[in-house]
Amino acid sequence: MSETRAIRTLEIPEGLDGERVDVALARALGFSRTMIATAAERGNILVNGKPVDKSARLAAGDLIEIEIVQEAARGPKIEVADLDELQVIHSDDDLLVIDKPLGVAAHPSVGWNGPTVVGILMARGMTLSHLAPTERAGIVHRLDVGTSGLMVVAKSDRAYLSLKEQFRSRTVKKTYHAIVQGHPDPTRGTIDAPIDRHPRDEFKFAVVADGKPSITHYQTVDSFAGATLVEIELETGRTHQIRVHFAALRHPLIGDLMYGADPVFANSLGLARQWLHAHRLTFLHPADSQERSYISAYPADLEAALASLRSQS
């Protein structure tokens, strides 16, 4: 089986001063701890030209190099193909802000054969930050395949490092709109409940006692017969966090059959997915540290379902 080899180089920023090698590479480049440990065991991690262990401490200004070895048959394949539905709503030398449609993954992964943000942008000839592995070029955060809305993608390396740190430190404001079944009481509040893998279903997540800290803030925007439009700000960013938290409150997102939504209600609104949209994204631009905020309108299927609820009410 053939192998592919790539070398990633990173100058350690102030924010990673004093961190272990494995922590720094995981935070800055998104590499898994297992991959980092394997590279260290092979002598494939150099700091200032010398091999180091994964537990070595780093200093700001250190130059770290990691050689990545992948068996070609096992690495996720990038399907380089354009998709008109993915809209670029802002572009500059450092970053892109895109409006991701339903049915598009952020990047290739094992088991996913559909379109990806990375593949679409590559098909358009976009140059993305090379600090992450090629299949995740420029990706600093993700939206589920079934969630539409705003994503920011790094074009420059400085944007990649800045945005990764902003997401890690939770200074990025991620605002979602969702329609949930019923009427949450109170009408605004915070859901603070740990999330991890579902104990019995490997494809689901759940609120579990020893899960990862997960915090969701919400407030009611509008109420209808049997449903509520809520605005949500995520303090953490766990997989399926919004869906899991509202399902735990017994107010699942309309159309979210995986987490207990009523299929009859969804069908009555012509909805074939959960009503969830990444509506607004606010962050500090890496070029000037000034705040930028972007808004995405609801896609046609979500707008139609909302109009139907309003007409029924």
C-alpha atoms as a PDB file:
ATOM      1  CA  MET A   1       0.000   0.000   0.000  1.00  0.00           C
ATOM      2  CA  SER A   2       1.451   3.389  -1.037  1.00  0.00           C
ATOM      3  CA  GLU A   3       2.114   6.174   1.432  1.00  0.00           C
ATOM      4  CA  THR A   4       1.753   9.924   1.186  1.00  0.00           C
ATOM      5  CA  ARG A   5       4.061  12.198   3.170  1.00  0.00           C
ATOM      6  CA  ALA A   6       3.639  15.856   4.001  1.00  0.00           C
ATOM      7  CA  ILE A   7       5.513  18.239   6.276  1.00  0.00           C
ATOM      8  CA  ARG A   8       3.670  20.935   8.236  1.00  0.00           C
ATOM      9  CA  THR A   9       5.648  23.772   9.777  1.00  0.00           C
ATOM     10  CA  LEU A  10       4.463  26.136  12.506  1.00  0.00           C
ATOM     11  CA  GLU A  11       6.093  28.963  14.397  1.00  0.00           C
ATOM     12  CA  ILE A  12       4.729  28.801  17.934  1.00  0.00           C
ATOM     13  CA  PRO A  13       2.661  31.946  18.720  1.00  0.00           C
ATOM     14  CA  GLU A  14       2.485  33.605  22.151  1.00  0.00           C
ATOM     15  CA  GLY A  15      -0.818  31.890  22.867  1.00  0.00           C
ATOM     16  CA  LEU A  16       0.866  28.461  22.836  1.00  0.00           C
ATOM     17  CA  ASP A  17       3.918  29.422  24.901  1.00  0.00           C
ATOM     18  CA  GLY A  18       4.633  26.725  27.501  1.00  0.00           C
ATOM     19  CA  GLU A  19       2.264  24.154  25.986  1.00  0.00           C
ATOM     20  CA  ARG A  20       3.184  20.515  25.316  1.00  0.00           C
ATOM     21  CA  VAL A  21       3.937  19.512  21.742  1.00  0.00           C
ATOM     22  CA  ASP A  22       0.826  17.337  21.455  1.00  0.00           C
ATOM     23  CA  VAL A  23      -1.462  20.027  22.906  1.00  0.00           C
ATOM     24  CA  ALA A  24      -0.033  22.727  20.638  1.00  0.00           C
ATOM     25  CA  LEU A  25      -0.346  20.649  17.459  1.00  0.00           C
ATOM     26  CA  ALA A  26      -3.877  19.563  18.351  1.00  0.00           C
ATOM     27  CA  ARG A  27      -4.991  23.130  19.040  1.00  0.00           C
ATOM     28  CA  ALA A  28      -3.233  24.918  16.225  1.00  0.00           C
ATOM     29  CA  LEU A  29      -3.467  22.352  13.435  1.00  0.00           C
ATOM     30  CA  GLY A  30      -6.371  20.138  14.491  1.00  0.00           C
ATOM     31  CA  PHE A  31      -4.315  16.931  14.458  1.00  0.00           C
ATOM     32  CA  SER A  32      -5.480  13.999  16.556  1.00  0.00           C
ATOM     33  CA  ARG A  33      -3.461  13.071  19.648  1.00  0.00           C
ATOM     34  CA  THR A  34      -3.012   9.557  18.248  1.00  0.00           C
ATOM     35  CA  MET A  35      -1.463  10.855  15.033  1.00  0.00           C
ATOM     36  CA  ILE A  36       0.831  13.190  16.976  1.00  0.00           C
ATOM     37  CA  ALA A  37       1.969  10.386  19.285  1.00  0.00           C
ATOM     38  CA  THR A  38       2.728   8.143  16.300  1.00  0.00           C
ATOM     39  CA  ALA A  39       4.738  10.881  14.594  1.00  0.00           C
ATOM     40  CA  ALA A  40       6.735  11.516  17.780  1.00  0.00           C
ATOM     41  CA  GLU A  41       7.518   7.801  18.178  1.00  0.00           C
ATOM     42  CA  ARG A  42       8.864   7.756  14.615  1.00  0.00           C
ATOM     43  CA  GLY A  43      11.037  10.810  15.263  1.00  0.00           C
ATOM     44  CA  ASN A  44       8.960  12.839  12.835  1.00  0.00           C
ATOM     45  CA  ILE A  45       8.444  15.878  15.083  1.00  0.00           C
ATOM     46  CA  LEU A  46      11.260  18.422  15.176  1.00  0.00           C
ATOM     47  CA  VAL A  47      11.518  21.564  17.282  1.00  0.00           C
ATOM     48  CA  ASN A  48      14.183  23.947  16.061  1.00  0.00           C
ATOM     49  CA  GLY A  49      15.630  21.062  14.043  1.00  0.00           C
ATOM     50  CA  LYS A  50      15.811  18.484  16.858  1.00  0.00           C
ATOM     51  CA  PRO A  51      13.505  15.464  17.407  1.00  0.00           C
ATOM     52  CA  VAL A  52      11.274  15.804  20.462  1.00  0.00           C
ATOM     53  CA  ASP A  53       8.815  13.750  22.450  1.00  0.00           C
ATOM     54  CA  LYS A  54       5.113  14.586  22.395  1.00  0.00           C
ATOM     55  CA  SER A  55       5.322  15.862  26.003  1.00  0.00           C
ATOM     56  CA  ALA A  56       8.127  18.372  25.347  1.00  0.00           C
ATOM     57  CA  ARG A  57       7.314  21.954  26.276  1.00  0.00           C
ATOM     58  CA  LEU A  58       7.354  24.694  23.670  1.00  0.00           C
ATOM     59  CA  ALA A  59       8.290  28.361  23.812  1.00  0.00           C
ATOM     60  CA  ALA A  60       6.914  31.224  21.739  1.00  0.00           C
ATOM     61  CA  GLY A  61       8.987  31.541  18.571  1.00  0.00           C
ATOM     62  CA  ASP A  62       9.983  27.865  18.407  1.00  0.00           C
ATOM     63  CA  LEU A  63       9.770  26.358  14.930  1.00  0.00           C
ATOM     64  CA  ILE A  64       8.013  23.002  14.985  1.00  0.00           C
ATOM     65  CA  GLU A  65       7.920  20.606  12.031  1.00  0.00           C
ATOM     66  CA  ILE A  66       5.827  17.466  11.817  1.00  0.00           C
ATOM     67  CA  GLU A  67       6.035  14.929   9.021  1.00  0.00           C
ATOM     68  CA  ILE A  68       2.694  13.260   8.378  1.00  0.00           C
ATOM     69  CA  VAL A  69       2.696   9.779   6.903  1.00  0.00           C
ATOM     70  CA  GLN A  70      -0.611   8.410   5.598  1.00  0.00           C
ATOM     71  CA  GLU A  71      -1.444   5.248   3.742  1.00  0.00           C
ATOM     72  CA  ALA A  72      -3.081   6.547   0.606  1.00  0.00           C
ATOM     73  CA  ALA A  73      -5.905   4.022   0.686  1.00  0.00           C
ATOM     74  CA  ARG A  74      -6.931   5.025   4.195  1.00  0.00           C
ATOM     75  CA  GLY A  75      -6.860   8.797   3.902  1.00  0.00           C
ATOM     76  CA  PRO A  76     -10.162  10.556   3.198  1.00  0.00           C
ATOM     77  CA  LYS A  77     -10.577  11.377  -0.476  1.00  0.00           C
ATOM     78  CA  ILE A  78     -11.275  14.974  -1.501  1.00  0.00           C
ATOM     79  CA  GLU A  79     -14.023  15.185  -4.104  1.00  0.00           C
ATOM     80  CA  VAL A  80     -13.049  18.344  -5.997  1.00  0.00           C
ATOM     81  CA  ALA A  81     -16.313  19.516  -7.536  1.00  0.00           C
ATOM     82  CA  ASP A  82     -18.172  22.823  -7.501  1.00  0.00           C
ATOM     83  CA  LEU A  83     -21.669  23.372  -6.150  1.00  0.00           C
ATOM     84  CA  ASP A  84     -23.507  26.564  -7.072  1.00  0.00           C
ATOM     85  CA  GLU A  85     -25.568  26.536  -3.880  1.00  0.00           C
ATOM     86  CA  LEU A  86     -22.504  27.327  -1.762  1.00  0.00           C
ATOM     87  CA  GLN A  87     -22.241  31.121  -1.723  1.00  0.00           C
ATOM     88  CA  VAL A  88     -19.190  33.186  -0.800  1.00  0.00           C
ATOM     89  CA  ILE A  89     -20.522  36.280   0.962  1.00  0.00           C
ATOM     90  CA  HIS A  90     -17.134  37.810   1.814  1.00  0.00           C
ATOM     91  CA  SER A  91     -13.598  37.252   0.563  1.00  0.00           C
ATOM     92  CA  ASP A  92     -10.280  38.988   1.248  1.00  0.00           C
ATOM     93  CA  ASP A  93      -6.608  38.031   1.407  1.00  0.00           C
ATOM     94  CA  ASP A  94      -7.016  36.313   4.780  1.00  0.00           C
ATOM     95  CA  LEU A  95     -10.371  34.586   4.844  1.00  0.00           C
ATOM     96  CA  LEU A  96     -13.674  33.633   3.285  1.00  0.00           C
ATOM     97  CA  VAL A  97     -17.115  33.780   4.843  1.00  0.00           C
ATOM     98  CA  ILE A  98     -19.403  31.281   3.154  1.00  0.00           C
ATOM     99  CA  ASP A  99     -23.071  30.348   3.300  1.00  0.00           C
ATOM    100  CA  LYS A 100     -23.028  26.543   3.491  1.00  0.00           C
ATOM    101  CA  PRO A 101     -26.078  24.771   2.079  1.00  0.00           C
ATOM    102  CA  LEU A 102     -27.730  21.641   3.384  1.00  0.00           C
ATOM    103  CA  GLY A 103     -25.993  18.388   2.424  1.00  0.00           C
ATOM    104  CA  VAL A 104     -22.420  19.707   2.392  1.00  0.00           C
ATOM    105  CA  ALA A 105     -19.812  18.561   4.938  1.00  0.00           C
ATOM    106  CA  ALA A 106     -17.062  20.888   6.119  1.00  0.00           C
ATOM    107  CA  HIS A 107     -14.302  18.509   5.001  1.00  0.00           C
ATOM    108  CA  PRO A 108     -13.846  14.905   3.819  1.00  0.00           C
ATOM    109  CA  SER A 109     -14.113  12.148   6.409  1.00  0.00           C
ATOM    110  CA  VAL A 110     -14.315   8.384   6.478  1.00  0.00           C
ATOM    111  CA  GLY A 111     -17.793   7.285   5.425  1.00  0.00           C
ATOM    112  CA  TRP A 112     -18.792  10.575   3.732  1.00  0.00           C
ATOM    113  CA  ASN A 113     -18.867  10.569  -0.062  1.00  0.00           C
ATOM    114  CA  GLY A 114     -20.814  13.767  -0.680  1.00  0.00           C
ATOM    115  CA  PRO A 115     -19.707  17.348  -1.385  1.00  0.00           C
ATOM    116  CA  THR A 116     -17.472  19.223   1.056  1.00  0.00           C
ATOM    117  CA  VAL A 117     -16.596  22.857   1.634  1.00  0.00           C
ATOM    118  CA  VAL A 118     -12.914  22.048   1.003  1.00  0.00           C
ATOM    119  CA  GLY A 119     -13.625  20.253  -2.276  1.00  0.00           C
ATOM    120  CA  ILE A 120     -15.924  22.995  -3.558  1.00  0.00           C
ATOM    121  CA  LEU A 121     -13.459  25.781  -2.754  1.00  0.00           C
ATOM    122  CA  MET A 122     -10.615  23.815  -4.344  1.00  0.00           C
ATOM    123  CA  ALA A 123     -12.749  23.385  -7.476  1.00  0.00           C
ATOM    124  CA  ARG A 124     -13.077  27.186  -7.599  1.00  0.00           C
ATOM    125  CA  GLY A 125      -9.305  27.569  -7.424  1.00  0.00           C
ATOM    126  CA  MET A 126      -9.280  29.061  -3.939  1.00  0.00           C
ATOM    127  CA  THR A 127      -5.973  29.100  -2.047  1.00  0.00           C
ATOM    128  CA  LEU A 128      -6.545  27.973   1.550  1.00  0.00           C
ATOM    129  CA  SER A 129      -4.230  27.853   4.570  1.00  0.00           C
ATOM    130  CA  HIS A 130      -1.868  24.876   4.380  1.00  0.00           C
ATOM    131  CA  LEU A 131      -1.363  24.526   8.157  1.00  0.00           C
ATOM    132  CA  ALA A 132      -4.002  21.814   8.524  1.00  0.00           C
ATOM    133  CA  PRO A 133      -3.898  18.501   6.629  1.00  0.00           C
ATOM    134  CA  THR A 134      -4.896  18.934   2.971  1.00  0.00           C
ATOM    135  CA  GLU A 135      -8.356  17.430   3.437  1.00  0.00           C
ATOM    136  CA  ARG A 136      -9.117  20.082   6.089  1.00  0.00           C
ATOM    137  CA  ALA A 137      -7.352  23.018   4.422  1.00  0.00           C
ATOM    138  CA  GLY A 138      -8.551  26.307   5.895  1.00  0.00           C
ATOM    139  CA  ILE A 139     -11.207  24.739   8.110  1.00  0.00           C
ATOM    140  CA  VAL A 140     -11.297  26.308  11.580  1.00  0.00           C
ATOM    141  CA  HIS A 141     -14.796  25.158  12.630  1.00  0.00           C
ATOM    142  CA  ARG A 142     -17.562  22.967  11.276  1.00  0.00           C
ATOM    143  CA  LEU A 143     -21.283  22.797  10.660  1.00  0.00           C
ATOM    144  CA  ASP A 144     -23.106  19.474  10.502  1.00  0.00           C
ATOM    145  CA  VAL A 145     -24.013  18.182   7.040  1.00  0.00           C
ATOM    146  CA  GLY A 146     -27.669  18.772   7.927  1.00  0.00           C
ATOM    147  CA  THR A 147     -27.155  22.352   9.139  1.00  0.00           C
ATOM    148  CA  SER A 148     -27.042  25.322   6.781  1.00  0.00           C
ATOM    149  CA  GLY A 149     -25.522  28.746   7.334  1.00  0.00           C
ATOM    150  CA  LEU A 150     -22.342  30.670   7.969  1.00  0.00           C
ATOM    151  CA  MET A 151     -18.789  29.371   8.156  1.00  0.00           C
ATOM    152  CA  VAL A 152     -15.485  31.249   8.097  1.00  0.00           C
ATOM    153  CA  VAL A 153     -12.587  29.605   6.232  1.00  0.00           C
ATOM    154  CA  ALA A 154      -8.937  30.647   6.523  1.00  0.00           C
ATOM    155  CA  LYS A 155      -7.032  31.549   3.370  1.00  0.00           C
ATOM    156  CA  SER A 156      -3.831  32.759   5.060  1.00  0.00           C
ATOM    157  CA  ASP A 157      -1.844  31.006   7.771  1.00  0.00           C
ATOM    158  CA  ARG A 158      -2.163  33.975  10.116  1.00  0.00           C
ATOM    159  CA  ALA A 159      -5.933  33.824   9.724  1.00  0.00           C
ATOM    160  CA  TYR A 160      -5.906  30.101  10.479  1.00  0.00           C
ATOM    161  CA  LEU A 161      -3.967  30.568  13.711  1.00  0.00           C
ATOM    162  CA  SER A 162      -5.988  33.604  14.799  1.00  0.00           C
ATOM    163  CA  LEU A 163      -9.376  32.060  14.105  1.00  0.00           C
ATOM    164  CA  LYS A 164      -8.464  28.718  15.690  1.00  0.00           C
ATOM    165  CA  GLU A 165      -7.452  30.569  18.836  1.00  0.00           C
ATOM    166  CA  GLN A 166     -10.643  32.647  18.810  1.00  0.00           C
ATOM    167  CA  PHE A 167     -12.784  29.519  18.563  1.00  0.00           C
ATOM    168  CA  ARG A 168     -10.710  27.787  21.240  1.00  0.00           C
ATOM    169  CA  SER A 169     -11.037  30.718  23.630  1.00  0.00           C
ATOM    170  CA  ARG A 170     -14.781  31.025  22.836  1.00  0.00           C
ATOM    171  CA  THR A 171     -14.617  34.645  21.739  1.00  0.00           C
ATOM    172  CA  VAL A 172     -16.354  33.964  18.408  1.00  0.00           C
ATOM    173  CA  LYS A 173     -20.103  34.639  18.620  1.00  0.00           C
ATOM    174  CA  LYS A 174     -22.032  31.868  16.875  1.00  0.00           C
ATOM    175  CA  THR A 175     -25.725  32.711  16.652  1.00  0.00           C
ATOM    176  CA  TYR A 176     -28.210  30.137  15.387  1.00  0.00           C
ATOM    177  CA  HIS A 177     -31.931  30.254  14.763  1.00  0.00           C
ATOM    178  CA  ALA A 178     -33.988  27.128  15.375  1.00  0.00           C
ATOM    179  CA  ILE A 179     -37.644  26.212  15.583  1.00  0.00           C
ATOM    180  CA  VAL A 180     -38.405  23.830  18.407  1.00  0.00           C
ATOM    181  CA  GLN A 181     -41.532  21.910  19.244  1.00  0.00           C
ATOM    182  CA  GLY A 182     -43.620  23.374  22.040  1.00  0.00           C
ATOM    183  CA  HIS A 183     -42.834  26.456  24.096  1.00  0.00           C
ATOM    184  CA  PRO A 184     -39.689  26.440  26.261  1.00  0.00           C
ATOM    185  CA  ASP A 185     -40.261  27.728  29.781  1.00  0.00           C
ATOM    186  CA  PRO A 186     -38.627  30.066  30.672  1.00  0.00           C
ATOM    187  CA  THR A 187     -38.731  31.925  27.367  1.00  0.00           C
ATOM    188  CA  ARG A 188     -35.015  32.702  27.684  1.00  0.00           C
ATOM    189  CA  GLY A 189     -32.336  30.880  29.591  1.00  0.00           C
ATOM    190  CA  THR A 190     -29.172  28.793  29.613  1.00  0.00           C
ATOM    191  CA  ILE A 191     -28.871  25.045  29.153  1.00  0.00           C
ATOM    192  CA  ASP A 192     -25.795  23.821  31.012  1.00  0.00           C
ATOM    193  CA  ALA A 193     -25.626  20.048  30.548  1.00  0.00           C
ATOM    194  CA  PRO A 194     -22.616  17.849  29.630  1.00  0.00           C
ATOM    195  CA  ILE A 195     -22.667  16.051  26.282  1.00  0.00           C
ATOM    196  CA  ASP A 196     -20.910  12.965  24.994  1.00  0.00           C
ATOM    197  CA  ARG A 197     -21.520   9.942  22.815  1.00  0.00           C
ATOM    198  CA  HIS A 198     -24.883   8.268  23.294  1.00  0.00           C
ATOM    199  CA  PRO A 199     -24.425   5.185  25.485  1.00  0.00           C
ATOM    200  CA  ARG A 200     -26.302   2.915  23.065  1.00  0.00           C
ATOM    201  CA  ASP A 201     -26.326   4.604  19.636  1.00  0.00           C
ATOM    202  CA  GLU A 202     -22.904   5.330  18.097  1.00  0.00           C
ATOM    203  CA  PHE A 203     -24.335   7.902  15.668  1.00  0.00           C
ATOM    204  CA  LYS A 204     -26.012  10.009  18.355  1.00  0.00           C
ATOM    205  CA  PHE A 205     -24.951  12.207  21.255  1.00  0.00           C
ATOM    206  CA  ALA A 206     -26.668  12.684  24.592  1.00  0.00           C
ATOM    207  CA  VAL A 207     -26.607  14.528  27.887  1.00  0.00           C
ATOM    208  CA  VAL A 208     -24.546  12.258  30.146  1.00  0.00           C
ATOM    209  CA  ALA A 209     -23.192  12.804  33.646  1.00  0.00           C
ATOM    210  CA  ASP A 210     -19.511  12.495  32.712  1.00  0.00           C
ATOM    211  CA  GLY A 211     -19.740  14.247  29.341  1.00  0.00           C
ATOM    212  CA  LYS A 212     -17.909  17.347  28.135  1.00  0.00           C
ATOM    213  CA  PRO A 213     -19.085  20.718  29.488  1.00  0.00           C
ATOM    214  CA  SER A 214     -21.686  22.121  27.095  1.00  0.00           C
ATOM    215  CA  ILE A 215     -23.475  25.473  27.426  1.00  0.00           C
ATOM    216  CA  THR A 216     -26.260  26.838  25.227  1.00  0.00           C
ATOM    217  CA  HIS A 217     -27.954  30.233  25.669  1.00  0.00           C
ATOM    218  CA  TYR A 218     -31.346  30.839  24.065  1.00  0.00           C
ATOM    219  CA  GLN A 219     -34.161  33.366  23.859  1.00  0.00           C
ATOM    220  CA  THR A 220     -37.586  33.267  22.227  1.00  0.00           C
ATOM    221  CA  VAL A 221     -37.965  35.251  19.002  1.00  0.00           C
ATOM    222  CA  ASP A 222     -41.533  34.281  18.074  1.00  0.00           C
ATOM    223  CA  SER A 223     -44.175  31.776  19.157  1.00  0.00           C
ATOM    224  CA  PHE A 224     -46.645  29.770  17.081  1.00  0.00           C
ATOM    225  CA  ALA A 225     -49.199  27.047  17.626  1.00  0.00           C
ATOM    226  CA  GLY A 226     -47.097  24.176  18.953  1.00  0.00           C
ATOM    227  CA  ALA A 227     -43.702  25.670  18.123  1.00  0.00           C
ATOM    228  CA  THR A 228     -41.220  28.416  18.993  1.00  0.00           C
ATOM    229  CA  LEU A 229     -38.564  30.238  16.982  1.00  0.00           C
ATOM    230  CA  VAL A 230     -35.523  30.663  19.225  1.00  0.00           C
ATOM    231  CA  GLU A 231     -32.226  32.494  18.872  1.00  0.00           C
ATOM    232  CA  ILE A 232     -29.281  30.537  20.234  1.00  0.00           C
ATOM    233  CA  GLU A 233     -25.738  31.449  21.146  1.00  0.00           C
ATOM    234  CA  LEU A 234     -23.284  28.645  21.762  1.00  0.00           C
ATOM    235  CA  GLU A 235     -20.721  29.067  24.490  1.00  0.00           C
ATOM    236  CA  THR A 236     -19.265  25.656  23.613  1.00  0.00           C
ATOM    237  CA  GLY A 237     -19.371  23.821  20.302  1.00  0.00           C
ATOM    238  CA  ARG A 238     -20.075  20.127  20.845  1.00  0.00           C
ATOM    239  CA  THR A 239     -21.300  17.907  18.038  1.00  0.00           C
ATOM    240  CA  HIS A 240     -25.112  18.135  17.777  1.00  0.00           C
ATOM    241  CA  GLN A 241     -25.118  20.425  20.838  1.00  0.00           C
ATOM    242  CA  ILE A 242     -28.255  22.435  19.997  1.00  0.00           C
ATOM    243  CA  ARG A 243     -30.163  19.349  18.923  1.00  0.00           C
ATOM    244  CA  VAL A 244     -29.178  17.377  22.016  1.00  0.00           C
ATOM    245  CA  HIS A 245     -29.861  20.166  24.504  1.00  0.00           C
ATOM    246  CA  PHE A 246     -33.345  20.972  23.228  1.00  0.00           C
ATOM    247  CA  ALA A 247     -34.222  17.290  22.951  1.00  0.00           C
ATOM    248  CA  ALA A 248     -33.195  16.932  26.609  1.00  0.00           C
ATOM    249  CA  LEU A 249     -35.662  19.718  27.453  1.00  0.00           C
ATOM    250  CA  ARG A 250     -38.341  17.764  25.562  1.00  0.00           C
ATOM    251  CA  HIS A 251     -38.449  20.489  22.920  1.00  0.00           C
ATOM    252  CA  PRO A 252     -36.686  18.823  19.970  1.00  0.00           C
ATOM    253  CA  LEU A 253     -36.045  20.814  16.823  1.00  0.00           C
ATOM    254  CA  ILE A 254     -38.870  20.459  14.328  1.00  0.00           C
ATOM    255  CA  GLY A 255     -37.856  17.891  11.719  1.00  0.00           C
ATOM    256  CA  ASP A 256     -35.093  16.390  13.858  1.00  0.00           C
ATOM    257  CA  LEU A 257     -36.373  12.833  13.823  1.00  0.00           C
ATOM    258  CA  MET A 258     -33.087  11.444  15.178  1.00  0.00           C
ATOM    259  CA  TYR A 259     -33.668  13.305  18.425  1.00  0.00           C
ATOM    260  CA  GLY A 260     -37.362  12.668  18.888  1.00  0.00           C
ATOM    261  CA  ALA A 261     -39.207  15.231  16.765  1.00  0.00           C
ATOM    262  CA  ASP A 262     -42.747  14.484  15.583  1.00  0.00           C
ATOM    263  CA  PRO A 263     -42.582  13.335  11.924  1.00  0.00           C
ATOM    264  CA  VAL A 264     -46.240  14.266  11.320  1.00  0.00           C
ATOM    265  CA  PHE A 265     -45.606  17.861  12.404  1.00  0.00           C
ATOM    266  CA  ALA A 266     -42.532  18.079  10.139  1.00  0.00           C
ATOM    267  CA  ASN A 267     -44.453  16.655   7.175  1.00  0.00           C
ATOM    268  CA  SER A 268     -47.248  19.169   7.680  1.00  0.00           C
ATOM    269  CA  LEU A 269     -44.660  21.919   7.170  1.00  0.00           C
ATOM    270  CA  GLY A 270     -42.998  20.232   4.203  1.00  0.00           C
ATOM    271  CA  LEU A 271     -39.777  19.935   6.194  1.00  0.00           C
ATOM    272  CA  ALA A 272     -37.280  17.157   5.385  1.00  0.00           C
ATOM    273  CA  ARG A 273     -34.581  18.136   7.936  1.00  0.00           C
ATOM    274  CA  GLN A 274     -34.196  19.820  11.294  1.00  0.00           C
ATOM    275  CA  TRP A 275     -35.102  23.523  11.345  1.00  0.00           C
ATOM    276  CA  LEU A 276     -31.674  24.890  12.288  1.00  0.00           C
ATOM    277  CA  HIS A 277     -29.608  27.625  10.636  1.00  0.00           C
ATOM    278  CA  ALA A 278     -26.283  29.292  11.492  1.00  0.00           C
ATOM    279  CA  HIS A 279     -27.695  32.805  11.174  1.00  0.00           C
ATOM    280  CA  ARG A 280     -24.945  35.153  12.366  1.00  0.00           C
ATOM    281  CA  LEU A 281     -21.175  34.887  12.878  1.00  0.00           C
ATOM    282  CA  THR A 282     -19.056  37.521  14.645  1.00  0.00           C
ATOM    283  CA  PHE A 283     -15.274  37.419  15.075  1.00  0.00           C
ATOM    284  CA  LEU A 284     -12.169  39.621  15.124  1.00  0.00           C
ATOM    285  CA  HIS A 285     -10.534  39.933  11.728  1.00  0.00           C
ATOM    286  CA  PRO A 286      -6.916  38.710  11.938  1.00  0.00           C
ATOM    287  CA  ALA A 287      -5.640  41.592   9.803  1.00  0.00           C
ATOM    288  CA  ASP A 288      -6.728  44.447  12.089  1.00  0.00           C
ATOM    289  CA  SER A 289      -8.397  42.835  15.146  1.00  0.00           C
ATOM    290  CA  GLN A 290     -11.603  44.707  14.298  1.00  0.00           C
ATOM    291  CA  GLU A 291     -14.934  42.985  14.862  1.00  0.00           C
ATOM    292  CA  ARG A 292     -16.734  41.674  11.786  1.00  0.00           C
ATOM    293  CA  SER A 293     -20.275  40.334  11.775  1.00  0.00           C
ATOM    294  CA  TYR A 294     -22.107  38.513   8.970  1.00  0.00           C
ATOM    295  CA  ILE A 295     -25.728  37.408   8.605  1.00  0.00           C
ATOM    296  CA  SER A 296     -27.244  34.654   6.482  1.00  0.00           C
ATOM    297  CA  ALA A 297     -30.885  34.635   5.389  1.00  0.00           C
ATOM    298  CA  TYR A 298     -32.938  31.472   5.882  1.00  0.00           C
ATOM    299  CA  PRO A 299     -32.802  29.049   2.950  1.00  0.00           C
ATOM    300  CA  ALA A 300     -35.987  28.428   0.988  1.00  0.00           C
ATOM    301  CA  ASP A 301     -37.107  25.236   2.788  1.00  0.00           C
ATOM    302  CA  LEU A 302     -36.740  26.768   6.249  1.00  0.00           C
ATOM    303  CA  GLU A 303     -38.410  30.017   5.162  1.00  0.00           C
ATOM    304  CA  ALA A 304     -41.344  28.070   3.729  1.00  0.00           C
ATOM    305  CA  ALA A 305     -41.807  26.068   6.941  1.00  0.00           C
ATOM    306  CA  LEU A 306     -41.690  29.277   8.998  1.00  0.00           C
ATOM    307  CA  ALA A 307     -44.268  30.941   6.726  1.00  0.00           C
ATOM    308  CA  SER A 308     -46.525  27.912   7.120  1.00  0.00           C
ATOM    309  CA  LEU A 309     -46.313  28.134  10.917  1.00  0.00           C
ATOM    310  CA  ARG A 310     -47.149  31.835  10.813  1.00  0.00           C
ATOM    311  CA  SER A 311     -50.143  31.266   8.583  1.00  0.00           C
ATOM    312  CA  GLN A 312     -51.450  28.496  10.853  1.00  0.00           C
ATOM    313  CA  SER A 313     -51.096  30.753  13.884  1.00  0.00           C
END
